Amino acid sequence: MRFTIVWGVLNLALSAAILVALVFLFVLAVKALKRYLGAKPVREEKAETARSLGEVLKLHRTRCKMTQEFVAEALGVSRQAVSKWESGRSDPSTSNLIALAKLFGVAPEELLKQTR
């Protein structure tokens, strides 16, 4: 009889602990989801800026009558890297951005100021 009571209490305590853990995990998941959804404007702005920087780079390259291959050779990168920068799929490193500005005959700040 005592063993049955002890076993029942242990089962109840274990069930309660599992329930508390599940509730805690649910609360953590909800908080993470709220934080992720709240950051949507920041993610969209970052994506827009990346596309805009690519557009600015392409504008300057075509204004200077340069090909992607010429720019790539001048900077020591691949033509595909220049293509990715212009399409917004990646951003140039700081040193490459400075080199691009020098190649285009503008200040690095001007490249960034022209982005949205």
N, C-alpha and C. Protein backbone atom coordinates (compact mmCIF):
# COMPACT_ATOMS: atom_id res chain seq x y z
N MET A 1 0.81 -1.18 0.00
CA MET A 1 0.00 0.00 0.00
C MET A 1 0.87 1.27 0.00
N ARG A 2 1.87 1.30 0.88
CA ARG A 2 2.74 2.47 0.93
C ARG A 2 3.50 2.63 -0.38
N PHE A 3 3.93 1.50 -0.93
CA PHE A 3 4.68 1.54 -2.19
C PHE A 3 3.82 2.14 -3.30
N THR A 4 2.55 1.82 -3.35
CA THR A 4 1.63 2.34 -4.35
C THR A 4 1.46 3.85 -4.19
N ILE A 5 1.37 4.31 -2.95
CA ILE A 5 1.22 5.75 -2.70
C ILE A 5 2.49 6.49 -3.12
N VAL A 6 3.64 5.95 -2.75
CA VAL A 6 4.92 6.57 -3.10
C VAL A 6 5.06 6.58 -4.62
N TRP A 7 4.74 5.49 -5.25
CA TRP A 7 4.83 5.40 -6.73
C TRP A 7 3.90 6.43 -7.39
N GLY A 8 2.71 6.58 -6.86
CA GLY A 8 1.76 7.56 -7.38
C GLY A 8 2.27 8.98 -7.22
N VAL A 9 2.86 9.30 -6.09
CA VAL A 9 3.40 10.63 -5.84
C VAL A 9 4.56 10.90 -6.79
N LEU A 10 5.43 9.92 -6.99
CA LEU A 10 6.55 10.08 -7.91
C LEU A 10 6.06 10.29 -9.33
N ASN A 11 5.06 9.54 -9.75
CA ASN A 11 4.48 9.71 -11.08
C ASN A 11 3.90 11.11 -11.25
N LEU A 12 3.21 11.57 -10.22
CA LEU A 12 2.61 12.90 -10.26
C LEU A 12 3.69 13.98 -10.34
N ALA A 13 4.75 13.84 -9.56
CA ALA A 13 5.85 14.81 -9.56
C ALA A 13 6.55 14.82 -10.92
N LEU A 14 6.78 13.67 -11.49
CA LEU A 14 7.42 13.57 -12.80
C LEU A 14 6.53 14.19 -13.88
N SER A 15 5.25 13.93 -13.83
CA SER A 15 4.32 14.52 -14.80
C SER A 15 4.30 16.03 -14.68
N ALA A 16 4.32 16.54 -13.46
CA ALA A 16 4.31 17.99 -13.24
C ALA A 16 5.61 18.61 -13.78
N ALA A 17 6.74 17.95 -13.55
CA ALA A 17 8.03 18.46 -14.03
C ALA A 17 8.04 18.50 -15.56
N ILE A 18 7.53 17.49 -16.19
CA ILE A 18 7.47 17.45 -17.65
C ILE A 18 6.55 18.56 -18.17
N LEU A 19 5.43 18.76 -17.52
CA LEU A 19 4.50 19.81 -17.93
C LEU A 19 5.14 21.19 -17.79
N VAL A 20 5.87 21.43 -16.70
CA VAL A 20 6.54 22.71 -16.49
C VAL A 20 7.60 22.92 -17.58
N ALA A 21 8.34 21.87 -17.90
CA ALA A 21 9.38 21.98 -18.94
C ALA A 21 8.75 22.29 -20.30
N LEU A 22 7.64 21.66 -20.62
CA LEU A 22 6.97 21.91 -21.90
C LEU A 22 6.44 23.34 -21.97
N VAL A 23 5.87 23.84 -20.88
CA VAL A 23 5.37 25.21 -20.85
C VAL A 23 6.53 26.18 -21.02
N PHE A 24 7.66 25.91 -20.34
CA PHE A 24 8.84 26.77 -20.45
C PHE A 24 9.36 26.80 -21.89
N LEU A 25 9.43 25.65 -22.54
CA LEU A 25 9.88 25.60 -23.93
C LEU A 25 8.91 26.34 -24.86
N PHE A 26 7.63 26.23 -24.59
CA PHE A 26 6.63 26.94 -25.39
C PHE A 26 6.81 28.45 -25.25
N VAL A 27 7.02 28.92 -24.03
CA VAL A 27 7.22 30.35 -23.78
C VAL A 27 8.48 30.83 -24.51
N LEU A 28 9.56 30.07 -24.45
CA LEU A 28 10.79 30.43 -25.16
C LEU A 28 10.56 30.50 -26.67
N ALA A 29 9.83 29.55 -27.21
CA ALA A 29 9.54 29.54 -28.64
C ALA A 29 8.71 30.75 -29.05
N VAL A 30 7.73 31.12 -28.25
CA VAL A 30 6.90 32.29 -28.55
C VAL A 30 7.73 33.56 -28.50
N LYS A 31 8.61 33.69 -27.50
CA LYS A 31 9.47 34.87 -27.40
C LYS A 31 10.39 34.96 -28.61
N ALA A 32 10.97 33.84 -29.03
CA ALA A 32 11.87 33.84 -30.19
C ALA A 32 11.11 34.22 -31.45
N LEU A 33 9.90 33.71 -31.61
CA LEU A 33 9.09 34.03 -32.78
C LEU A 33 8.73 35.52 -32.79
N LYS A 34 8.37 36.07 -31.64
CA LYS A 34 8.04 37.50 -31.57
C LYS A 34 9.26 38.35 -31.93
N ARG A 35 10.43 37.96 -31.45
CA ARG A 35 11.65 38.71 -31.75
C ARG A 35 11.97 38.62 -33.24
N TYR A 36 11.79 37.44 -33.83
CA TYR A 36 12.04 37.26 -35.26
C TYR A 36 11.08 38.10 -36.10
N LEU A 37 9.81 38.08 -35.75
CA LEU A 37 8.82 38.85 -36.50
C LEU A 37 9.04 40.35 -36.32
N GLY A 38 9.49 40.76 -35.15
CA GLY A 38 9.75 42.17 -34.89
C GLY A 38 10.94 42.69 -35.68
N ALA A 39 11.84 41.80 -36.08
CA ALA A 39 13.03 42.20 -36.82
C ALA A 39 12.79 42.24 -38.33
N LYS A 40 11.58 41.95 -38.77
CA LYS A 40 11.30 41.92 -40.21
C LYS A 40 11.62 43.25 -40.89
N PRO A 41 11.22 44.39 -40.35
CA PRO A 41 11.57 45.66 -41.02
C PRO A 41 13.08 45.86 -41.17
N VAL A 42 13.83 45.43 -40.17
CA VAL A 42 15.29 45.57 -40.24
C VAL A 42 15.84 44.68 -41.35
N ARG A 43 15.34 43.46 -41.45
CA ARG A 43 15.80 42.54 -42.51
C ARG A 43 15.44 43.09 -43.88
N GLU A 44 14.23 43.64 -44.02
CA GLU A 44 13.81 44.19 -45.31
C GLU A 44 14.65 45.41 -45.68
N GLU A 45 14.93 46.26 -44.70
CA GLU A 45 15.75 47.45 -44.98
C GLU A 45 17.16 47.04 -45.39
N LYS A 46 17.70 46.04 -44.74
CA LYS A 46 19.03 45.57 -45.09
C LYS A 46 19.05 45.01 -46.51
N ALA A 47 18.04 44.25 -46.88
CA ALA A 47 17.97 43.70 -48.24
C ALA A 47 17.83 44.81 -49.27
N GLU A 48 17.03 45.82 -48.93
CA GLU A 48 16.85 46.94 -49.85
C GLU A 48 18.14 47.72 -50.04
N THR A 49 18.87 47.93 -48.95
CA THR A 49 20.14 48.64 -49.02
C THR A 49 21.14 47.86 -49.86
N ALA A 50 21.16 46.54 -49.70
CA ALA A 50 22.10 45.72 -50.48
C ALA A 50 21.79 45.84 -51.97
N ARG A 51 20.51 45.79 -52.34
CA ARG A 51 20.15 45.94 -53.75
C ARG A 51 20.53 47.34 -54.24
N SER A 52 20.28 48.32 -53.41
CA SER A 52 20.57 49.69 -53.81
C SER A 52 22.07 49.92 -53.97
N LEU A 53 22.87 49.35 -53.10
CA LEU A 53 24.31 49.49 -53.24
C LEU A 53 24.76 48.85 -54.55
N GLY A 54 24.19 47.70 -54.88
CA GLY A 54 24.52 47.06 -56.15
C GLY A 54 24.14 47.92 -57.34
N GLU A 55 22.99 48.56 -57.25
CA GLU A 55 22.56 49.45 -58.33
C GLU A 55 23.52 50.63 -58.48
N VAL A 56 23.97 51.17 -57.34
CA VAL A 56 24.91 52.29 -57.37
C VAL A 56 26.23 51.85 -57.99
N LEU A 57 26.71 50.69 -57.62
CA LEU A 57 27.96 50.19 -58.18
C LEU A 57 27.85 50.00 -59.70
N LYS A 58 26.73 49.42 -60.13
CA LYS A 58 26.53 49.22 -61.56
C LYS A 58 26.43 50.56 -62.29
N LEU A 59 25.75 51.52 -61.69
CA LEU A 59 25.61 52.84 -62.30
C LEU A 59 26.98 53.48 -62.51
N HIS A 60 27.82 53.44 -61.50
CA HIS A 60 29.16 54.03 -61.63
C HIS A 60 30.01 53.27 -62.64
N ARG A 61 29.91 51.95 -62.63
CA ARG A 61 30.69 51.15 -63.58
C ARG A 61 30.31 51.48 -65.01
N THR A 62 29.02 51.56 -65.29
CA THR A 62 28.58 51.86 -66.66
C THR A 62 28.86 53.31 -67.02
N ARG A 63 28.77 54.22 -66.03
CA ARG A 63 29.11 55.62 -66.28
C ARG A 63 30.57 55.76 -66.69
N CYS A 64 31.42 54.95 -66.09
CA CYS A 64 32.86 54.97 -66.41
C CYS A 64 33.19 54.10 -67.62
N LYS A 65 32.15 53.51 -68.23
CA LYS A 65 32.31 52.64 -69.40
C LYS A 65 33.29 51.49 -69.13
N MET A 66 33.08 50.83 -68.01
CA MET A 66 33.90 49.68 -67.62
C MET A 66 33.07 48.42 -67.67
N THR A 67 33.71 47.33 -67.96
CA THR A 67 33.03 46.03 -67.92
C THR A 67 33.23 45.42 -66.53
N GLN A 68 32.40 44.44 -66.21
CA GLN A 68 32.58 43.73 -64.94
C GLN A 68 33.94 43.05 -64.91
N GLU A 69 34.37 42.54 -66.03
CA GLU A 69 35.67 41.86 -66.10
C GLU A 69 36.81 42.84 -65.82
N PHE A 70 36.73 44.06 -66.36
CA PHE A 70 37.76 45.06 -66.12
C PHE A 70 37.82 45.41 -64.64
N VAL A 71 36.66 45.64 -64.03
CA VAL A 71 36.60 45.98 -62.61
C VAL A 71 37.17 44.83 -61.78
N ALA A 72 36.81 43.61 -62.14
CA ALA A 72 37.31 42.45 -61.40
C ALA A 72 38.83 42.35 -61.48
N GLU A 73 39.38 42.53 -62.66
CA GLU A 73 40.84 42.46 -62.82
C GLU A 73 41.53 43.60 -62.05
N ALA A 74 40.94 44.79 -62.07
CA ALA A 74 41.54 45.93 -61.38
C ALA A 74 41.56 45.71 -59.87
N LEU A 75 40.56 45.01 -59.34
CA LEU A 75 40.48 44.79 -57.90
C LEU A 75 41.08 43.46 -57.46
N GLY A 76 41.35 42.58 -58.43
CA GLY A 76 41.90 41.27 -58.07
C GLY A 76 40.85 40.31 -57.54
N VAL A 77 39.63 40.44 -58.05
CA VAL A 77 38.55 39.53 -57.67
C VAL A 77 38.00 38.89 -58.94
N SER A 78 37.08 37.97 -58.78
CA SER A 78 36.48 37.33 -59.95
C SER A 78 35.37 38.21 -60.54
N ARG A 79 35.05 37.99 -61.80
CA ARG A 79 33.95 38.71 -62.43
C ARG A 79 32.65 38.34 -61.74
N GLN A 80 32.55 37.09 -61.28
CA GLN A 80 31.35 36.64 -60.58
C GLN A 80 31.14 37.43 -59.28
N ALA A 81 32.25 37.79 -58.62
CA ALA A 81 32.12 38.59 -57.38
C ALA A 81 31.53 39.96 -57.71
N VAL A 82 32.00 40.57 -58.78
CA VAL A 82 31.46 41.88 -59.19
C VAL A 82 29.98 41.74 -59.54
N SER A 83 29.64 40.66 -60.24
CA SER A 83 28.24 40.41 -60.60
C SER A 83 27.37 40.26 -59.35
N LYS A 84 27.88 39.54 -58.34
CA LYS A 84 27.12 39.36 -57.10
C LYS A 84 26.93 40.68 -56.37
N TRP A 85 27.95 41.54 -56.39
CA TRP A 85 27.82 42.85 -55.74
C TRP A 85 26.74 43.66 -56.42
N GLU A 86 26.75 43.65 -57.76
CA GLU A 86 25.80 44.47 -58.51
C GLU A 86 24.37 43.93 -58.41
N SER A 87 24.23 42.63 -58.27
CA SER A 87 22.89 42.06 -58.16
C SER A 87 22.36 42.10 -56.73
N GLY A 88 23.23 42.42 -55.78
CA GLY A 88 22.80 42.49 -54.38
C GLY A 88 22.85 41.16 -53.67
N ARG A 89 23.41 40.13 -54.29
CA ARG A 89 23.50 38.83 -53.63
C ARG A 89 24.59 38.80 -52.57
N SER A 90 25.55 39.73 -52.66
CA SER A 90 26.57 39.89 -51.62
C SER A 90 27.06 41.33 -51.66
N ASP A 91 27.79 41.71 -50.64
CA ASP A 91 28.33 43.06 -50.54
C ASP A 91 29.85 43.00 -50.62
N PRO A 92 30.47 44.00 -51.21
CA PRO A 92 31.93 44.02 -51.22
C PRO A 92 32.47 44.28 -49.81
N SER A 93 33.67 43.77 -49.55
CA SER A 93 34.31 44.05 -48.27
C SER A 93 34.63 45.54 -48.22
N THR A 94 34.98 46.01 -47.06
CA THR A 94 35.31 47.43 -46.90
C THR A 94 36.48 47.81 -47.80
N SER A 95 37.51 46.96 -47.84
CA SER A 95 38.67 47.28 -48.68
C SER A 95 38.29 47.28 -50.16
N ASN A 96 37.42 46.37 -50.58
CA ASN A 96 36.97 46.37 -51.98
C ASN A 96 36.08 47.57 -52.28
N LEU A 97 35.27 47.99 -51.32
CA LEU A 97 34.43 49.17 -51.52
C LEU A 97 35.28 50.42 -51.70
N ILE A 98 36.34 50.53 -50.91
CA ILE A 98 37.26 51.67 -51.05
C ILE A 98 37.96 51.62 -52.40
N ALA A 99 38.37 50.42 -52.82
CA ALA A 99 39.04 50.27 -54.12
C ALA A 99 38.07 50.60 -55.26
N LEU A 100 36.82 50.20 -55.13
CA LEU A 100 35.82 50.52 -56.15
C LEU A 100 35.63 52.03 -56.26
N ALA A 101 35.53 52.68 -55.12
CA ALA A 101 35.35 54.14 -55.12
C ALA A 101 36.53 54.82 -55.81
N LYS A 102 37.72 54.36 -55.50
CA LYS A 102 38.93 54.94 -56.12
C LYS A 102 38.91 54.70 -57.62
N LEU A 103 38.52 53.49 -58.03
CA LEU A 103 38.46 53.15 -59.45
C LEU A 103 37.43 54.01 -60.18
N PHE A 104 36.31 54.28 -59.52
CA PHE A 104 35.25 55.08 -60.14
C PHE A 104 35.50 56.58 -59.99
N GLY A 105 36.50 56.96 -59.21
CA GLY A 105 36.81 58.38 -59.03
C GLY A 105 35.87 59.11 -58.12
N VAL A 106 35.34 58.41 -57.13
CA VAL A 106 34.44 59.03 -56.14
C VAL A 106 34.92 58.65 -54.75
N ALA A 107 34.44 59.37 -53.75
CA ALA A 107 34.76 59.03 -52.37
C ALA A 107 33.92 57.82 -51.94
N PRO A 108 34.48 56.96 -51.10
CA PRO A 108 33.70 55.81 -50.63
C PRO A 108 32.38 56.22 -49.97
N GLU A 109 32.40 57.37 -49.29
CA GLU A 109 31.18 57.85 -48.63
C GLU A 109 30.09 58.15 -49.67
N GLU A 110 30.51 58.60 -50.85
CA GLU A 110 29.54 58.91 -51.89
C GLU A 110 28.81 57.65 -52.36
N LEU A 111 29.53 56.55 -52.46
CA LEU A 111 28.87 55.30 -52.85
C LEU A 111 27.80 54.93 -51.83
N LEU A 112 28.14 55.10 -50.56
CA LEU A 112 27.18 54.73 -49.52
C LEU A 112 26.07 55.75 -49.37
N LYS A 113 26.36 57.03 -49.60
CA LYS A 113 25.32 58.05 -49.48
C LYS A 113 24.25 57.89 -50.57
N GLN A 114 24.63 57.32 -51.69
CA GLN A 114 23.69 57.17 -52.79
C GLN A 114 22.77 55.98 -52.60
N THR A 115 22.99 55.20 -51.55
CA THR A 115 22.11 54.07 -51.29
C THR A 115 20.93 54.56 -50.47
N ARG A 116 19.84 53.82 -50.54
CA ARG A 116 18.64 54.18 -49.77
C ARG A 116 18.78 53.76 -48.35
